Protein backbone atom coordinates (compact mmCIF):
# COMPACT_ATOMS: atom_id res chain seq x y z
CA MET A 1 0.15 0.01 -0.13
CA SER A 2 1.71 3.24 -1.18
CA VAL A 3 0.87 6.43 1.09
CA ASP A 4 2.25 9.70 0.50
CA ARG A 5 2.89 12.52 3.16
CA SER A 6 0.19 14.86 1.97
CA GLU A 7 -2.75 11.93 2.31
CA LEU A 8 -1.26 11.77 5.97
CA HIS A 9 -1.36 15.71 6.15
CA SER A 10 -5.07 15.69 4.85
CA LEU A 11 -6.12 13.25 7.48
CA VAL A 12 -4.31 14.88 10.60
CA ASP A 13 -6.03 18.18 9.46
CA LYS A 14 -9.57 16.08 9.87
CA ILE A 15 -8.62 15.01 13.45
CA PRO A 16 -10.84 16.68 15.84
CA GLU A 17 -9.35 19.23 18.03
CA ALA A 18 -10.30 17.45 21.42
CA ASP A 19 -8.27 14.60 20.03
CA LEU A 20 -5.22 16.23 18.94
CA PRO A 21 -3.31 15.40 22.61
CA VAL A 22 -3.86 11.34 22.09
CA THR A 23 -2.99 11.67 18.35
CA ARG A 24 0.50 13.53 19.08
CA LYS A 25 1.40 10.91 21.61
CA LEU A 26 0.54 8.47 18.81
CA LEU A 27 2.68 9.98 16.30
CA GLN A 28 5.70 10.62 18.87
CA ALA A 29 5.56 6.78 19.65
CA LEU A 30 5.89 6.13 16.03
CA VAL A 31 8.75 8.23 15.35
CA ALA A 32 10.54 7.36 18.83
CA ASP A 33 14.26 5.96 18.38
CA TRP A 34 13.31 2.50 19.99
CA ASP A 35 16.33 0.29 19.74
CA VAL A 36 13.68 -2.69 19.67
CA ALA A 37 11.18 -3.50 17.01
CA PRO A 38 8.03 -5.76 17.23
CA ALA A 39 8.25 -6.71 13.57
CA ASP A 40 10.84 -6.65 10.71
CA SER A 41 10.67 -4.58 7.54
CA GLU A 42 8.37 -7.57 6.14
CA GLY A 43 5.99 -7.01 8.85
CA GLN A 44 6.71 -10.17 10.58
CA LEU A 45 7.14 -10.54 14.37
CA THR A 46 10.93 -10.80 15.25
CA ASP A 47 12.26 -13.59 17.11
CA GLN A 48 12.57 -11.39 20.20
CA ALA A 49 8.76 -10.33 20.25
CA ARG A 50 7.76 -13.74 19.72
CA ARG A 51 9.55 -14.59 22.78
CA ASP A 52 8.42 -11.66 24.70
CA ILE A 53 4.68 -12.56 23.70
CA GLU A 54 5.23 -16.08 24.91
CA VAL A 55 6.31 -14.98 28.36
CA ALA A 56 3.51 -12.73 28.90
CA GLU A 57 1.14 -15.34 27.88
CA ALA A 58 3.02 -17.65 30.52
CA TYR A 59 2.58 -14.96 33.41
CA PHE A 60 -1.24 -14.69 32.43
CA ASP A 61 -1.55 -18.33 32.22
CA ASN A 62 -0.12 -18.89 35.49
CA GLY A 63 -2.47 -16.88 37.29
CA GLY A 64 -0.76 -13.31 36.79
CA GLU A 65 -2.81 -9.93 36.59
CA GLY A 66 -2.51 -7.34 34.71
CA ILE A 67 -2.79 -3.92 34.82
CA PRO A 68 -6.38 -2.12 35.27
CA HIS A 69 -7.56 -0.24 31.75
CA LYS A 70 -8.06 2.97 33.82
CA GLU A 71 -4.50 2.80 35.01
CA ILE A 72 -2.85 2.62 31.84
CA LEU A 73 -5.39 5.50 30.69
CA LYS A 74 -4.29 7.66 33.89
CA GLU A 75 -0.56 6.69 33.14
CA PHE A 76 -0.75 7.85 29.54
CA ASP A 77 -2.69 10.78 30.74
CA LEU A 78 -5.75 9.61 28.21
CA THR A 79 -8.49 9.77 31.20
């Protein structure tokens, strides 16, 4: 799928004012210079991402508890 920047700019211009703070955070996450990537250039999960998912699934399979949705929203200032 080919996308050019003008199409993205057009979409950003249509975002409601109230949603701009969240949009900014999402865009910042996309351009962050993280040293890990969950997928390779072809969109396949990396070996590390697969291992991380297996560890997470095992945690929950063995009775681990997750973080409540409200706490995540609060952490990212989305409440």
